[in-house]
């Protein structure tokens, strides 16, 4: 049985990008002992000295009490809660490296919105494979509409934390709650994870529509029908369909498709303007998870016999060189259907 988090906790945040840094700052401001891991030793030393994540959160000061280090053992020492906030394609390696230093009984939280390419596993399943001592009842996922740029500036934000063990979800809810960061709890771990990952694919599609020069009608259609695709796949994989009407589903979809902060919308927009996917991905400082997740979503849809026409067309654009205009035209000229979420 996991302890309910009420007092000061020792929290390790693995991943010092924009989201990891924003969460570390939030938890420090909530009164917890926070240690932040950055994989590059030179970057970690500079970050620790300047107290500013100049690449990802310029102008945001990190309190001196936050330990910033590239030493996994030091960051994880006696941590009661461990947050993984690294790109999906390196999560397995980081988790394997961290495994020996994670305290027995520590609560592990994935804050990664992706699906592992190749295995098509959700991030919680990757962690369970990579950390032999980890049990599912002490594993949670945090997701929802939460751009790091706004969280770091104390812009009111609301998210969801999910765990099969409701007591653990409530504990993490308590850890994060503040007057600017509200957290709802959920028991639907797979639904919360899938919503956070798959919305990135639809955001790429929305960005493509922006880049080509289409309007609000097009984006609204992509978001609505995209949510239908996410719900169909999630339900087929055992998620509660109502989860996708919530913060980690519709909420995250809206912000990722609309926001100027969205990396995935930016990726799509640049492709819609005529740049190649590889050119855009290689030029980005931050990771657009939708690029890899599109391939994983297509694999999952095939496994579960679920139609995901928008995800299919995004895949054709990203990996097969299809024209964005042709992709939209092919979506528009599909056979007439009833509006069905089943």
Protein backbone atom coordinates (compact mmCIF):
# COMPACT_ATOMS: atom_id res chain seq x y z
CA UNK A 1 0.00 0.00 0.00
CA UNK A 2 1.52 3.30 -1.10
CA UNK A 3 1.85 6.15 1.38
CA UNK A 4 -0.44 9.13 0.92
CA UNK A 5 1.78 12.09 0.09
CA UNK A 6 1.19 14.87 2.59
CA UNK A 7 4.58 15.96 3.89
CA UNK A 8 7.76 16.99 2.12
CA UNK A 9 8.84 14.31 -0.36
CA UNK A 10 12.13 13.48 -2.06
CA UNK A 11 11.38 13.62 -5.78
CA UNK A 12 13.68 12.70 -8.66
CA UNK A 13 12.85 14.20 -12.07
CA UNK A 14 14.63 12.38 -14.88
CA UNK A 15 14.79 14.65 -17.90
CA UNK A 16 15.72 18.35 -17.83
CA UNK A 17 13.96 19.51 -20.97
CA UNK A 18 11.17 22.06 -20.82
CA UNK A 19 8.57 19.76 -19.25
CA UNK A 20 10.94 18.16 -16.75
CA UNK A 21 12.22 21.56 -15.70
CA UNK A 22 8.71 22.97 -15.35
CA UNK A 23 7.60 20.04 -13.19
CA UNK A 24 10.73 20.25 -11.05
CA UNK A 25 10.06 23.94 -10.42
CA UNK A 26 6.40 23.30 -9.61
CA UNK A 27 7.26 20.56 -7.11
CA UNK A 28 9.95 22.68 -5.47
CA UNK A 29 7.42 25.50 -5.09
CA UNK A 30 5.08 22.95 -3.47
CA UNK A 31 7.72 22.43 -0.77
CA UNK A 32 9.31 19.17 -1.91
CA UNK A 33 12.99 18.21 -2.11
CA UNK A 34 13.59 18.03 -5.87
CA UNK A 35 16.53 16.68 -7.84
CA UNK A 36 16.67 17.09 -11.61
CA UNK A 37 18.67 14.80 -13.90
CA UNK A 38 20.20 16.04 -17.17
CA UNK A 39 21.97 13.37 -19.25
CA UNK A 40 24.65 15.70 -20.67
CA UNK A 41 27.21 16.49 -17.95
CA UNK A 42 28.30 19.80 -19.54
CA UNK A 43 24.73 20.99 -19.92
CA UNK A 44 23.95 19.90 -16.36
CA UNK A 45 26.92 21.84 -14.98
CA UNK A 46 25.96 24.97 -16.91
CA UNK A 47 22.32 24.65 -15.89
CA UNK A 48 23.29 24.19 -12.24
CA UNK A 49 25.54 27.25 -12.36
CA UNK A 50 23.20 29.64 -14.21
CA UNK A 51 19.93 28.24 -12.77
CA UNK A 52 18.33 28.81 -16.17
CA UNK A 53 17.33 26.29 -18.84
CA UNK A 54 18.35 28.64 -21.63
CA UNK A 55 17.57 26.20 -24.45
CA UNK A 56 14.05 25.29 -23.38
CA UNK A 57 12.74 27.75 -20.75
CA UNK A 58 14.69 30.99 -21.17
CA UNK A 59 14.05 33.56 -18.48
CA UNK A 60 12.73 31.04 -15.91
CA UNK A 61 14.83 30.88 -12.73
CA UNK A 62 15.31 27.49 -11.07
CA UNK A 63 15.55 27.75 -7.30
CA UNK A 64 18.98 27.06 -5.81
CA UNK A 65 17.49 24.27 -3.67
CA UNK A 66 16.92 22.09 -6.76
CA UNK A 67 19.87 19.76 -7.33
CA UNK A 68 20.69 19.62 -11.05
CA UNK A 69 23.07 16.81 -11.95
CA UNK A 70 24.02 14.23 -14.59
CA UNK A 71 24.69 11.67 -11.83
CA UNK A 72 21.74 9.27 -11.87
CA UNK A 73 22.69 7.66 -8.56
CA UNK A 74 22.86 11.01 -6.76
CA UNK A 75 19.55 12.18 -8.20
CA UNK A 76 17.73 8.93 -7.38
CA UNK A 77 19.22 8.40 -3.90
CA UNK A 78 16.32 7.72 -1.49
CA UNK A 79 13.79 9.27 -3.91
CA UNK A 80 10.23 8.47 -2.85
CA UNK A 81 8.77 9.54 -6.19
CA UNK A 82 10.51 9.21 -9.57
CA UNK A 83 9.27 11.14 -12.62
CA UNK A 84 10.35 10.07 -16.09
CA UNK A 85 10.25 13.07 -18.42
CA UNK A 86 12.46 12.04 -21.33
CA UNK A 87 11.62 11.52 -25.04
CA UNK A 88 9.85 8.24 -25.72
CA UNK A 89 12.65 6.86 -27.89
CA UNK A 90 15.16 6.99 -25.01
CA UNK A 91 12.83 6.05 -22.16
CA UNK A 92 13.76 2.36 -22.16
CA UNK A 93 17.51 3.07 -21.98
CA UNK A 94 17.15 5.71 -19.25
CA UNK A 95 14.86 3.43 -17.23
CA UNK A 96 17.28 0.52 -17.53
CA UNK A 97 20.15 2.74 -16.36
CA UNK A 98 18.07 4.11 -13.49
CA UNK A 99 16.67 0.77 -12.39
CA UNK A 100 19.51 -0.13 -10.01
CA UNK A 101 19.11 3.15 -8.10
CA UNK A 102 15.33 3.32 -7.71
CA UNK A 103 14.33 2.65 -4.11
CA UNK A 104 12.03 -0.32 -3.46
CA UNK A 105 8.46 0.94 -3.10
CA UNK A 106 9.12 4.27 -4.81
CA UNK A 107 6.22 5.59 -6.88
CA UNK A 108 7.17 5.93 -10.55
CA UNK A 109 5.34 8.41 -12.77
CA UNK A 110 5.58 8.60 -16.54
CA UNK A 111 5.14 12.11 -17.90
CA UNK A 112 6.07 11.00 -21.44
CA UNK A 113 3.39 11.37 -24.12
CA UNK A 114 4.45 8.78 -26.64
CA UNK A 115 4.31 5.17 -27.85
CA UNK A 116 7.52 3.22 -28.29
CA UNK A 117 8.36 2.79 -31.96
CA UNK A 118 8.96 -0.84 -32.90
CA UNK A 119 7.12 -2.41 -29.95
CA UNK A 120 4.07 -0.08 -30.00
CA UNK A 121 4.11 -0.19 -26.19
CA UNK A 122 2.71 2.55 -23.99
CA UNK A 123 5.26 4.22 -21.75
CA UNK A 124 4.04 2.45 -18.61
CA UNK A 125 4.64 -0.91 -20.26
CA UNK A 126 8.13 0.15 -21.31
CA UNK A 127 8.88 1.08 -17.69
CA UNK A 128 7.54 -2.23 -16.40
CA UNK A 129 9.83 -4.10 -18.78
CA UNK A 130 12.86 -1.92 -18.09
CA UNK A 131 12.60 -1.81 -14.28
CA UNK A 132 12.26 -5.39 -12.94
CA UNK A 133 11.39 -4.26 -9.40
CA UNK A 134 8.55 -1.98 -10.54
CA UNK A 135 4.99 -3.09 -9.85
CA UNK A 136 1.99 -1.77 -11.73
CA UNK A 137 0.25 -0.63 -8.55
CA UNK A 138 3.04 1.92 -7.90
CA UNK A 139 3.16 3.16 -11.50
CA UNK A 140 1.22 6.23 -12.64
CA UNK A 141 0.89 8.49 -15.68
CA UNK A 142 0.50 12.26 -15.65
CA UNK A 143 -1.10 13.82 -18.73
CA UNK A 144 -3.33 16.64 -19.93
CA UNK A 145 -3.22 20.07 -21.60
CA UNK A 146 -0.03 21.41 -20.06
CA UNK A 147 2.54 23.31 -22.09
CA UNK A 148 5.73 23.65 -20.06
CA UNK A 149 6.15 27.27 -21.12
CA UNK A 150 2.91 28.15 -19.32
CA UNK A 151 3.30 25.85 -16.30
CA UNK A 152 6.73 27.39 -15.61
CA UNK A 153 5.08 30.84 -15.51
CA UNK A 154 2.35 29.67 -13.10
CA UNK A 155 -0.42 29.88 -15.71
CA UNK A 156 -3.41 27.98 -14.25
CA UNK A 157 -3.27 24.42 -15.59
CA UNK A 158 -5.38 21.29 -15.04
CA UNK A 159 -4.21 17.72 -15.73
CA UNK A 160 -5.00 14.09 -14.89
CA UNK A 161 -2.98 11.44 -13.06
CA UNK A 162 -3.90 7.80 -13.61
CA UNK A 163 -2.97 4.60 -11.83
CA UNK A 164 -4.61 1.20 -11.42
CA UNK A 165 -4.15 1.74 -7.68
CA UNK A 166 -6.42 4.65 -6.78
CA UNK A 167 -4.47 5.39 -3.59
CA UNK A 168 -1.31 6.00 -5.61
CA UNK A 169 -3.18 8.29 -8.01
CA UNK A 170 -4.47 10.28 -5.04
CA UNK A 171 -0.95 10.46 -3.59
CA UNK A 172 0.47 11.93 -6.81
CA UNK A 173 -2.53 14.23 -7.06
CA UNK A 174 -1.62 15.57 -3.62
CA UNK A 175 2.05 15.92 -4.59
CA UNK A 176 1.30 18.24 -7.52
CA UNK A 177 -1.79 20.16 -6.42
CA UNK A 178 -1.39 23.91 -5.96
CA UNK A 179 -3.37 27.08 -6.50
CA UNK A 180 -2.18 27.17 -10.13
CA UNK A 181 -1.92 23.43 -10.90
CA UNK A 182 -5.02 21.30 -10.40
CA UNK A 183 -4.92 17.51 -10.76
CA UNK A 184 -7.77 15.05 -11.25
CA UNK A 185 -7.30 11.35 -10.52
CA UNK A 186 -8.23 8.43 -12.75
CA UNK A 187 -8.04 4.63 -12.73
CA UNK A 188 -7.81 4.44 -16.54
CA UNK A 189 -4.05 4.25 -17.03
CA UNK A 190 -4.13 3.05 -20.63
CA UNK A 191 -6.77 5.60 -21.64
CA UNK A 192 -4.84 8.51 -20.15
CA UNK A 193 -1.61 7.36 -21.81
CA UNK A 194 -3.18 6.77 -25.23
CA UNK A 195 -4.97 10.11 -25.20
CA UNK A 196 -1.73 11.95 -24.44
CA UNK A 197 0.19 10.09 -27.14
CA UNK A 198 -2.28 9.86 -30.01
CA UNK A 199 -3.36 13.50 -29.91
CA UNK A 200 0.14 14.33 -31.21
CA UNK A 201 -0.65 12.54 -34.48
CA UNK A 202 -3.79 14.62 -34.95
CA UNK A 203 -1.86 17.78 -34.04
CA UNK A 204 0.55 17.06 -36.90
CA UNK A 205 -2.47 16.84 -39.19
CA UNK A 206 -3.82 20.12 -37.84
CA UNK A 207 -0.46 21.77 -38.39
CA UNK A 208 -0.34 20.50 -41.97
CA UNK A 209 -3.75 22.08 -42.56
CA UNK A 210 -2.44 25.37 -41.14
CA UNK A 211 0.67 25.26 -43.29
CA UNK A 212 -1.25 24.53 -46.49
CA UNK A 213 -3.53 27.48 -45.73
CA UNK A 214 -6.79 25.76 -44.89
CA UNK A 215 -9.10 27.34 -42.33
CA UNK A 216 -10.88 26.80 -39.05
CA UNK A 217 -13.45 24.49 -40.63
CA UNK A 218 -10.72 22.06 -41.66
CA UNK A 219 -9.00 22.09 -38.30
CA UNK A 220 -12.27 21.59 -36.42
CA UNK A 221 -13.07 18.59 -38.60
CA UNK A 222 -9.61 17.09 -38.09
CA UNK A 223 -9.83 17.52 -34.33
CA UNK A 224 -13.34 16.05 -34.06
CA UNK A 225 -12.75 13.09 -36.35
CA UNK A 226 -9.29 12.67 -34.86
CA UNK A 227 -10.84 12.31 -31.43
CA UNK A 228 -13.16 9.66 -32.87
CA UNK A 229 -10.12 7.72 -34.13
CA UNK A 230 -8.36 7.98 -30.77
CA UNK A 231 -11.50 6.82 -28.96
CA UNK A 232 -12.00 3.84 -31.29
CA UNK A 233 -8.45 2.62 -30.82
CA UNK A 234 -8.43 3.29 -27.09
CA UNK A 235 -11.69 1.42 -26.57
CA UNK A 236 -10.37 -1.53 -28.58
CA UNK A 237 -7.34 -1.60 -26.27
CA UNK A 238 -9.43 -1.65 -23.11
CA UNK A 239 -9.69 2.05 -22.22
CA UNK A 240 -12.83 3.74 -20.94
CA UNK A 241 -14.20 5.75 -23.90
CA UNK A 242 -15.24 8.56 -21.55
CA UNK A 243 -11.56 9.16 -20.71
CA UNK A 244 -11.11 10.64 -24.19
CA UNK A 245 -13.74 13.29 -23.46
CA UNK A 246 -11.58 14.47 -20.55
CA UNK A 247 -8.38 16.38 -19.96
CA UNK A 248 -5.98 13.75 -21.30
CA UNK A 249 -8.16 13.28 -24.39
CA UNK A 250 -10.12 16.23 -25.74
CA UNK A 251 -8.37 18.74 -23.48
CA UNK A 252 -4.87 17.83 -24.61
CA UNK A 253 -6.02 17.46 -28.22
CA UNK A 254 -7.40 21.00 -28.29
CA UNK A 255 -4.31 22.65 -26.84
CA UNK A 256 -1.88 20.65 -28.98
CA UNK A 257 -3.73 21.34 -32.22
CA UNK A 258 -4.22 25.05 -31.51
CA UNK A 259 -1.25 26.35 -29.53
CA UNK A 260 1.75 28.29 -30.79
CA UNK A 261 3.78 26.29 -28.22
CA UNK A 262 2.89 22.95 -29.83
CA UNK A 263 5.89 21.17 -31.34
CA UNK A 264 3.68 18.71 -33.21
CA UNK A 265 1.49 21.39 -34.75
CA UNK A 266 4.70 23.23 -35.75
CA UNK A 267 6.07 20.08 -37.40
CA UNK A 268 2.91 19.73 -39.45
CA UNK A 269 2.74 23.42 -40.31
CA UNK A 270 6.28 23.45 -41.70
CA UNK A 271 5.54 20.36 -43.78
CA UNK A 272 2.37 22.02 -45.06
CA UNK A 273 4.50 24.99 -46.14
CA UNK A 274 6.67 22.71 -48.25
CA UNK A 275 9.55 21.51 -46.08
CA UNK A 276 10.31 17.78 -45.87
CA UNK A 277 9.51 15.94 -42.63
CA UNK A 278 13.15 14.92 -42.09
CA UNK A 279 14.31 18.50 -42.63
CA UNK A 280 11.89 19.84 -40.02
CA UNK A 281 12.59 17.09 -37.45
CA UNK A 282 16.36 17.52 -37.75
CA UNK A 283 16.10 21.30 -37.30
CA UNK A 284 13.98 21.14 -34.11
CA UNK A 285 15.65 21.55 -30.71
CA UNK A 286 12.74 19.86 -28.93
CA UNK A 287 11.18 16.51 -29.81
CA UNK A 288 7.88 16.32 -31.70
CA UNK A 289 6.59 12.99 -30.40
CA UNK A 290 3.95 12.80 -33.12
CA UNK A 291 6.59 11.94 -35.72
CA UNK A 292 7.38 8.55 -34.16
CA UNK A 293 3.96 8.00 -32.64
CA UNK A 294 2.31 8.12 -36.07
CA UNK A 295 4.08 4.90 -37.07
CA UNK A 296 3.18 3.27 -33.73
CA UNK A 297 -0.47 4.37 -33.99
CA UNK A 298 -0.72 2.80 -37.43
CA UNK A 299 0.75 -0.44 -36.07
CA UNK A 300 -1.71 -0.50 -33.17
CA UNK A 301 -4.66 0.25 -35.46
CA UNK A 302 -3.66 -2.67 -37.67
CA UNK A 303 -3.30 -5.04 -34.70
CA UNK A 304 -6.71 -4.14 -33.32
CA UNK A 305 -8.58 -3.84 -36.63
CA UNK A 306 -9.43 -0.18 -36.10
CA UNK A 307 -9.85 2.33 -38.91
CA UNK A 308 -7.73 5.48 -38.41
CA UNK A 309 -7.85 7.31 -41.76
CA UNK A 310 -6.36 10.57 -40.47
CA UNK A 311 -3.44 8.76 -38.85
CA UNK A 312 -2.98 6.79 -42.08
CA UNK A 313 -2.74 9.97 -44.15
CA UNK A 314 -0.33 11.59 -41.68
CA UNK A 315 1.82 8.47 -41.99
CA UNK A 316 1.80 8.71 -45.79
CA UNK A 317 2.89 12.36 -45.59
CA UNK A 318 5.59 11.79 -42.96
CA UNK A 319 7.09 8.56 -44.26
CA UNK A 320 6.06 8.12 -47.88
CA UNK A 321 6.37 11.62 -49.30
CA UNK A 322 2.68 12.10 -50.05
CA UNK A 323 1.54 15.63 -50.84
CA UNK A 324 -0.38 17.21 -47.93
CA UNK A 325 -3.03 18.50 -50.32
CA UNK A 326 -3.46 15.04 -51.82
CA UNK A 327 -3.77 13.56 -48.32
CA UNK A 328 -6.55 15.99 -47.41
CA UNK A 329 -8.30 15.40 -50.73
CA UNK A 330 -8.19 11.64 -50.15
CA UNK A 331 -9.71 12.11 -46.69
CA UNK A 332 -12.48 14.30 -48.11
CA UNK A 333 -13.39 11.85 -50.89
CA UNK A 334 -13.67 8.69 -48.78
CA UNK A 335 -16.95 6.79 -49.06
CA UNK A 336 -19.89 8.49 -47.27
CA UNK A 337 -20.45 7.20 -43.74
CA UNK A 338 -22.62 7.74 -40.68
CA UNK A 339 -20.99 9.78 -37.92
CA UNK A 340 -20.04 6.83 -35.72
CA UNK A 341 -17.72 6.69 -32.68
CA UNK A 342 -17.99 2.94 -32.30
